[in-house]
């Protein structure tokens, strides 16, 4: 379980870094007088592709984590995620 959690943490950090890189690049292109629509579209398409791959990888690791945990462990994980999600973004999972 610990190794799965570490992989999830690493991938989540990579996803956050990728998003920062995208937003920096997008902002740069938006302020560049000579930037073309094709350049913006290429940046967006590349980001969407990488983001989708990372998201799918995170979902697979979540499934691995879920399979490796007891139902009681998973209930506690959902509680922790709900507390974090509610405080950060105002959401909860599965109506909990």
Protein backbone atom coordinates (compact mmCIF):
# COMPACT_ATOMS: atom_id res chain seq x y z
CA UNK A 1 0.00 0.00 0.00
CA UNK A 2 2.80 2.43 0.90
CA UNK A 3 4.47 2.08 -2.50
CA UNK A 4 1.15 2.74 -4.27
CA UNK A 5 0.58 5.85 -2.15
CA UNK A 6 4.09 7.07 -2.96
CA UNK A 7 3.48 6.54 -6.67
CA UNK A 8 0.18 8.43 -6.43
CA UNK A 9 1.88 11.31 -4.62
CA UNK A 10 4.65 11.45 -7.22
CA UNK A 11 2.21 11.38 -10.15
CA UNK A 12 -0.01 14.04 -8.53
CA UNK A 13 3.07 16.25 -8.13
CA UNK A 14 3.95 15.70 -11.79
CA UNK A 15 0.40 16.60 -12.78
CA UNK A 16 0.58 19.85 -10.78
CA UNK A 17 3.96 20.68 -12.33
CA UNK A 18 2.60 19.95 -15.81
CA UNK A 19 -0.33 22.29 -15.18
CA UNK A 20 1.99 25.10 -14.04
CA UNK A 21 4.15 24.62 -17.11
CA UNK A 22 1.07 24.72 -19.34
CA UNK A 23 -0.35 27.87 -17.77
CA UNK A 24 3.04 29.61 -17.96
CA UNK A 25 3.38 28.66 -21.63
CA UNK A 26 -0.19 29.65 -22.40
CA UNK A 27 0.24 33.03 -20.70
CA UNK A 28 3.46 33.60 -22.64
CA UNK A 29 1.80 32.83 -25.94
CA UNK A 30 -1.20 35.02 -25.13
CA UNK A 31 1.07 38.00 -24.50
CA UNK A 32 3.30 37.37 -27.54
CA UNK A 33 2.27 39.66 -30.36
CA UNK A 34 3.34 37.20 -33.03
CA UNK A 35 1.81 34.04 -31.52
CA UNK A 36 -0.52 32.21 -33.83
CA UNK A 37 -3.73 30.38 -33.15
CA UNK A 38 -2.00 27.21 -34.36
CA UNK A 39 0.70 27.61 -31.68
CA UNK A 40 -1.93 28.03 -28.97
CA UNK A 41 -3.84 25.00 -30.26
CA UNK A 42 -0.66 22.90 -30.35
CA UNK A 43 0.11 23.83 -26.74
CA UNK A 44 -3.43 23.02 -25.61
CA UNK A 45 -3.54 19.74 -27.52
CA UNK A 46 -0.18 18.59 -26.12
CA UNK A 47 -1.24 19.50 -22.57
CA UNK A 48 -4.59 17.71 -22.93
CA UNK A 49 -2.87 14.59 -24.18
CA UNK A 50 -0.34 14.51 -21.32
CA UNK A 51 -3.00 15.38 -18.74
CA UNK A 52 -5.23 12.56 -19.94
CA UNK A 53 -2.39 10.03 -19.71
CA UNK A 54 -1.48 11.20 -16.20
CA UNK A 55 -5.11 11.15 -15.08
CA UNK A 56 -5.59 7.63 -16.40
CA UNK A 57 -2.42 6.55 -14.60
CA UNK A 58 -3.71 8.08 -11.35
CA UNK A 59 -7.05 6.30 -11.73
CA UNK A 60 -5.29 2.97 -12.29
CA UNK A 61 -3.18 3.52 -9.17
CA UNK A 62 -6.33 4.41 -7.23
CA UNK A 63 -7.83 1.10 -8.30
CA UNK A 64 -4.65 -0.70 -7.18
CA UNK A 65 -4.81 1.08 -3.84
CA UNK A 66 -8.47 0.25 -3.40
CA UNK A 67 -7.82 -3.44 -4.14
CA UNK A 68 -4.95 -3.56 -1.63
CA UNK A 69 -6.94 -2.05 1.24
CA UNK A 70 -9.55 -3.42 3.57
CA UNK A 71 -13.04 -1.92 3.39
CA UNK A 72 -12.37 -0.18 6.73
CA UNK A 73 -9.13 1.31 5.38
CA UNK A 74 -10.91 2.56 2.28
CA UNK A 75 -13.69 4.14 4.36
CA UNK A 76 -11.04 6.10 6.26
CA UNK A 77 -9.34 7.17 3.03
CA UNK A 78 -12.68 8.47 1.72
CA UNK A 79 -13.21 10.37 5.00
CA UNK A 80 -9.80 12.02 4.69
CA UNK A 81 -10.37 12.88 1.03
CA UNK A 82 -13.78 14.32 1.83
CA UNK A 83 -12.35 16.54 4.57
CA UNK A 84 -9.59 17.75 2.26
CA UNK A 85 -11.91 18.21 -0.69
CA UNK A 86 -14.51 20.07 1.32
CA UNK A 87 -11.96 22.45 2.81
CA UNK A 88 -10.15 23.05 -0.49
CA UNK A 89 -12.88 22.97 -3.10
CA UNK A 90 -16.21 22.45 -1.40
CA UNK A 91 -16.80 18.88 -2.68
CA UNK A 92 -17.24 15.42 -1.17
CA UNK A 93 -17.23 11.92 -2.65
CA UNK A 94 -20.34 9.77 -2.94
CA UNK A 95 -22.51 12.03 -0.82
CA UNK A 96 -20.37 11.45 2.29
